[in-house]
Amino acid sequence: MTIRVLIVDDQELIRTGFRLFLQTQDDIEVAGEAADGHEALAQSAALAPDVVLMDIRMPRMDGVEATSRLTAAGSSPRVLILTTYDLDEYVFGALRAGASGFLLKDASRDRLLEAIHVVHDGEALLSPSITRRMIEDYASRAQPLRPTSELMNGLTPRERETLLLVARGLSNPEIAARLVVTEATVKSHIGSMFAKLQLRDRAQAVVFAYENGLVLPGSSG
């Protein structure tokens, strides 16, 4: 299967660098390029990419707004945020808007390819350490809401426990070890929990858990 990628960045040299490298990959096709959020929306509608590499700081329309508009559409592409810093002030906003993860612009070529495949396969690109830092930063500045009992009552005790561990940044192997189950069982719990809460991936699960006060600042994994 060929993965169609749209590259969005206001710096032409960065777009060119990504394009030249990705064009060397047999299973990736560069569908197009865009220099800002407005162009990204137009190009996405015209080209129907599978994955959008989205710069976060751009003129006219930044990556957060563009991501929000893209993911609000019915059949939206997966959005992988490109950032200069691993805790950019806009990163959480982009995840909240529906991005599937983020990648540092100075990441290795192998990491870029891995990131594209991970988000294309429906997973979220959030390393546990970065997830914890991002969560703490957000939670320290926001007042959590109370989750509706009806929504949470739909989860089994094990699904709720899995949600809390995902929100604390634990990987599937770490969750499996904590719950003393197989990784396949963890994936099953996560898939069921996502379906019940109407979450698309781990990124949205993290946002959900902290916005609803299920995990508090300073809680440990």
Protein backbone atom coordinates (compact mmCIF):
# COMPACT_ATOMS: atom_id res chain seq x y z
CA MET A 1 0.00 0.00 0.00
CA THR A 2 1.30 3.43 -0.94
CA ILE A 3 0.94 6.17 1.68
CA ARG A 4 0.10 9.55 0.15
CA VAL A 5 1.70 12.41 2.10
CA LEU A 6 1.00 16.14 2.01
CA ILE A 7 3.89 18.31 3.28
CA VAL A 8 2.84 21.57 4.95
CA ASP A 9 5.53 24.06 6.02
CA ASP A 10 6.07 27.75 5.39
CA GLN A 11 9.77 27.19 4.71
CA GLU A 12 10.42 25.99 1.18
CA LEU A 13 13.78 24.44 2.06
CA ILE A 14 12.18 22.26 4.72
CA ARG A 15 9.44 21.15 2.34
CA THR A 16 12.03 20.34 -0.31
CA GLY A 17 14.13 18.34 2.13
CA PHE A 18 11.18 16.21 3.21
CA ARG A 19 10.01 15.76 -0.38
CA LEU A 20 13.39 14.69 -1.75
CA PHE A 21 13.78 12.09 0.97
CA LEU A 22 10.24 10.73 0.92
CA GLN A 23 10.33 10.37 -2.86
CA THR A 24 13.05 7.75 -2.43
CA GLN A 25 10.65 5.46 -0.53
CA ASP A 26 8.80 2.78 -2.47
CA ASP A 27 5.71 2.85 -0.26
CA ILE A 28 5.35 6.64 0.10
CA GLU A 29 4.09 9.12 -2.47
CA VAL A 30 4.39 12.89 -1.96
CA ALA A 31 0.91 13.98 -3.00
CA GLY A 32 1.69 17.69 -2.74
CA GLU A 33 2.97 20.62 -0.71
CA ALA A 34 1.45 23.65 1.03
CA ALA A 35 2.99 26.76 2.58
CA ASP A 36 0.32 27.53 5.20
CA GLY A 37 -2.91 26.28 6.72
CA HIS A 38 -5.14 27.73 4.02
CA GLU A 39 -3.18 25.96 1.31
CA ALA A 40 -3.16 22.78 3.39
CA LEU A 41 -6.97 22.70 3.50
CA ALA A 42 -7.26 23.32 -0.23
CA GLN A 43 -4.59 20.76 -1.12
CA SER A 44 -6.02 18.17 1.22
CA ALA A 45 -9.46 18.53 -0.34
CA ALA A 46 -8.01 18.28 -3.84
CA LEU A 47 -5.43 15.54 -3.28
CA ALA A 48 -6.94 13.37 -0.52
CA PRO A 49 -3.64 12.51 1.23
CA ASP A 50 -3.43 9.76 3.84
CA VAL A 51 -1.03 11.65 6.12
CA VAL A 52 -0.37 15.38 6.48
CA LEU A 53 3.01 16.52 7.81
CA MET A 54 1.83 19.76 9.41
CA ASP A 55 4.10 22.60 10.50
CA ILE A 56 2.71 24.24 13.62
CA ARG A 57 3.85 27.86 13.25
CA MET A 58 2.78 29.36 9.92
CA PRO A 59 1.39 32.69 8.65
CA ARG A 60 -2.29 33.23 7.78
CA MET A 61 -3.42 29.97 9.41
CA ASP A 62 -1.28 27.98 11.84
CA GLY A 63 -1.11 24.22 12.16
CA VAL A 64 -3.53 24.05 15.09
CA GLU A 65 -6.37 25.75 13.22
CA ALA A 66 -5.65 23.81 10.04
CA THR A 67 -5.62 20.53 11.97
CA SER A 68 -8.91 21.37 13.65
CA ARG A 69 -10.56 22.08 10.31
CA LEU A 70 -9.11 18.99 8.68
CA THR A 71 -10.15 16.59 11.43
CA ALA A 72 -13.63 18.12 11.57
CA ALA A 73 -14.20 16.82 8.05
CA GLY A 74 -15.72 13.38 7.65
CA SER A 75 -12.87 11.46 6.01
CA SER A 76 -9.91 13.46 7.25
CA PRO A 77 -6.25 12.45 6.81
CA ARG A 78 -4.02 11.65 9.76
CA VAL A 79 -2.13 14.73 10.91
CA LEU A 80 1.46 14.50 12.12
CA ILE A 81 2.60 17.79 13.65
CA LEU A 82 6.09 19.07 12.85
CA THR A 83 7.67 21.17 15.59
CA THR A 84 11.05 22.64 16.46
CA TYR A 85 10.74 21.95 20.19
CA ASP A 86 9.42 18.83 21.87
CA LEU A 87 7.05 20.82 24.09
CA ASP A 88 6.04 23.62 21.76
CA GLU A 89 3.26 25.76 23.27
CA TYR A 90 0.97 24.78 20.40
CA VAL A 91 1.52 21.02 20.49
CA PHE A 92 -1.20 20.18 22.99
CA GLY A 93 -3.65 22.42 21.15
CA ALA A 94 -2.90 20.51 17.96
CA LEU A 95 -3.45 17.15 19.68
CA ARG A 96 -6.68 18.46 21.12
CA ALA A 97 -7.68 19.55 17.63
CA GLY A 98 -7.26 15.98 16.42
CA ALA A 99 -3.62 15.50 15.45
CA SER A 100 -2.30 11.97 15.82
CA GLY A 101 1.08 12.97 17.18
CA PHE A 102 4.09 15.15 16.64
CA LEU A 103 7.62 14.89 15.36
CA LEU A 104 10.67 17.07 15.86
CA LYS A 105 11.93 18.65 12.65
CA ASP A 106 15.45 17.44 13.39
CA ALA A 107 14.33 13.83 13.80
CA SER A 108 16.27 11.17 11.94
CA ARG A 109 15.10 9.85 8.58
CA ASP A 110 14.22 6.51 10.12
CA ARG A 111 12.16 8.25 12.78
CA LEU A 112 10.29 10.24 10.13
CA LEU A 113 9.42 7.08 8.22
CA GLU A 114 8.36 5.33 11.42
CA ALA A 115 6.16 8.29 12.37
CA ILE A 116 4.39 8.34 9.02
CA HIS A 117 3.68 4.61 9.18
CA VAL A 118 2.56 4.75 12.83
CA VAL A 119 -0.04 7.47 12.29
CA HIS A 120 -1.14 5.98 8.99
CA ASP A 121 -1.83 2.69 10.77
CA GLY A 122 -4.14 4.46 13.19
CA GLU A 123 -1.85 4.78 16.20
CA ALA A 124 -0.73 7.93 17.98
CA LEU A 125 2.88 9.01 17.94
CA LEU A 126 3.38 9.95 21.57
CA SER A 127 6.38 8.67 23.47
CA PRO A 128 5.66 8.00 27.15
CA SER A 129 8.18 10.55 28.40
CA ILE A 130 6.88 13.33 26.17
CA THR A 131 3.30 12.40 26.99
CA ARG A 132 3.95 12.80 30.71
CA ARG A 133 5.62 16.19 30.25
CA MET A 134 2.90 17.45 27.96
CA ILE A 135 0.17 16.28 30.33
CA GLU A 136 1.77 17.91 33.35
CA ASP A 137 2.15 21.18 31.47
CA TYR A 138 -1.48 21.17 30.36
CA ALA A 139 -2.93 19.99 33.66
CA SER A 140 -1.09 22.68 35.62
CA ARG A 141 -2.83 25.35 33.56
CA ALA A 142 -6.33 23.93 33.17
CA GLN A 143 -9.23 23.17 35.49
CA PRO A 144 -10.42 19.61 34.84
CA LEU A 145 -14.06 18.84 34.23
CA ARG A 146 -16.03 16.07 35.85
CA PRO A 147 -16.67 13.15 33.52
CA THR A 148 -20.32 12.28 33.00
CA SER A 149 -21.19 9.17 34.98
CA GLU A 150 -23.09 7.75 32.00
CA LEU A 151 -20.00 7.97 29.82
CA MET A 152 -17.65 6.41 32.35
CA ASN A 153 -20.14 3.77 33.45
CA GLY A 154 -19.95 2.38 29.95
CA LEU A 155 -16.39 1.23 30.59
CA THR A 156 -15.51 -2.00 32.34
CA PRO A 157 -13.23 -1.67 35.40
CA ARG A 158 -10.32 -3.00 33.35
CA GLU A 159 -11.01 -0.58 30.48
CA ARG A 160 -11.11 2.33 32.91
CA GLU A 161 -7.82 1.18 34.43
CA THR A 162 -6.31 0.91 30.97
CA LEU A 163 -7.46 4.45 30.13
CA LEU A 164 -5.73 5.80 33.24
CA LEU A 165 -2.48 4.05 32.35
CA VAL A 166 -2.62 5.32 28.76
CA ALA A 167 -3.21 8.82 30.10
CA ARG A 168 -0.14 8.54 32.31
CA GLY A 169 1.98 7.81 29.28
CA LEU A 170 2.55 4.08 29.66
CA SER A 171 3.23 2.05 26.52
CA ASN A 172 1.34 -1.15 25.70
CA PRO A 173 4.14 -3.40 27.07
CA GLU A 174 4.22 -1.34 30.28
CA ILE A 175 0.45 -1.57 30.64
CA ALA A 176 0.56 -5.32 30.03
CA ALA A 177 3.19 -5.72 32.75
CA ARG A 178 1.21 -3.55 35.17
CA LEU A 179 -2.04 -5.45 34.60
CA VAL A 180 -0.33 -8.85 34.23
CA VAL A 181 -1.95 -9.54 30.88
CA THR A 182 -0.71 -9.97 27.30
CA GLU A 183 -0.15 -7.06 24.93
CA ALA A 184 -2.94 -8.47 22.75
CA THR A 185 -5.31 -8.14 25.71
CA VAL A 186 -4.18 -4.56 26.27
CA LYS A 187 -4.84 -3.74 22.62
CA SER A 188 -8.29 -5.27 22.97
CA HIS A 189 -9.08 -3.15 26.04
CA ILE A 190 -7.80 -0.02 24.31
CA GLY A 191 -9.82 -0.68 21.15
CA SER A 192 -13.00 -1.25 23.16
CA MET A 193 -12.39 1.83 25.30
CA PHE A 194 -11.75 3.99 22.24
CA ALA A 195 -15.00 2.80 20.64
CA LYS A 196 -17.09 3.47 23.75
CA LEU A 197 -15.62 6.95 24.34
CA GLN A 198 -15.53 7.75 20.61
CA LEU A 199 -11.80 8.40 20.72
CA ARG A 200 -9.62 8.06 17.64
CA ASP A 201 -6.27 7.27 19.25
CA ARG A 202 -4.03 7.58 22.34
CA ALA A 203 -3.62 11.30 21.82
CA GLN A 204 -7.33 11.88 22.23
CA ALA A 205 -7.41 9.48 25.19
CA VAL A 206 -4.78 11.60 26.97
CA VAL A 207 -6.76 14.77 26.32
CA PHE A 208 -10.00 13.12 27.47
CA ALA A 209 -8.53 11.82 30.71
CA TYR A 210 -7.03 15.14 31.76
CA GLU A 211 -9.90 17.33 30.64
CA ASN A 212 -12.26 15.16 32.66
CA GLY A 213 -10.11 15.05 35.79
CA LEU A 214 -9.43 11.31 35.65
CA VAL A 215 -5.73 11.88 36.24
CA LEU A 216 -4.37 14.75 38.27
CA PRO A 217 -1.10 16.71 37.99
CA GLY A 218 1.71 14.90 39.73
CA SER A 219 0.14 11.46 39.51
CA SER A 220 2.69 8.82 38.61
CA GLY A 221 2.60 5.99 36.11
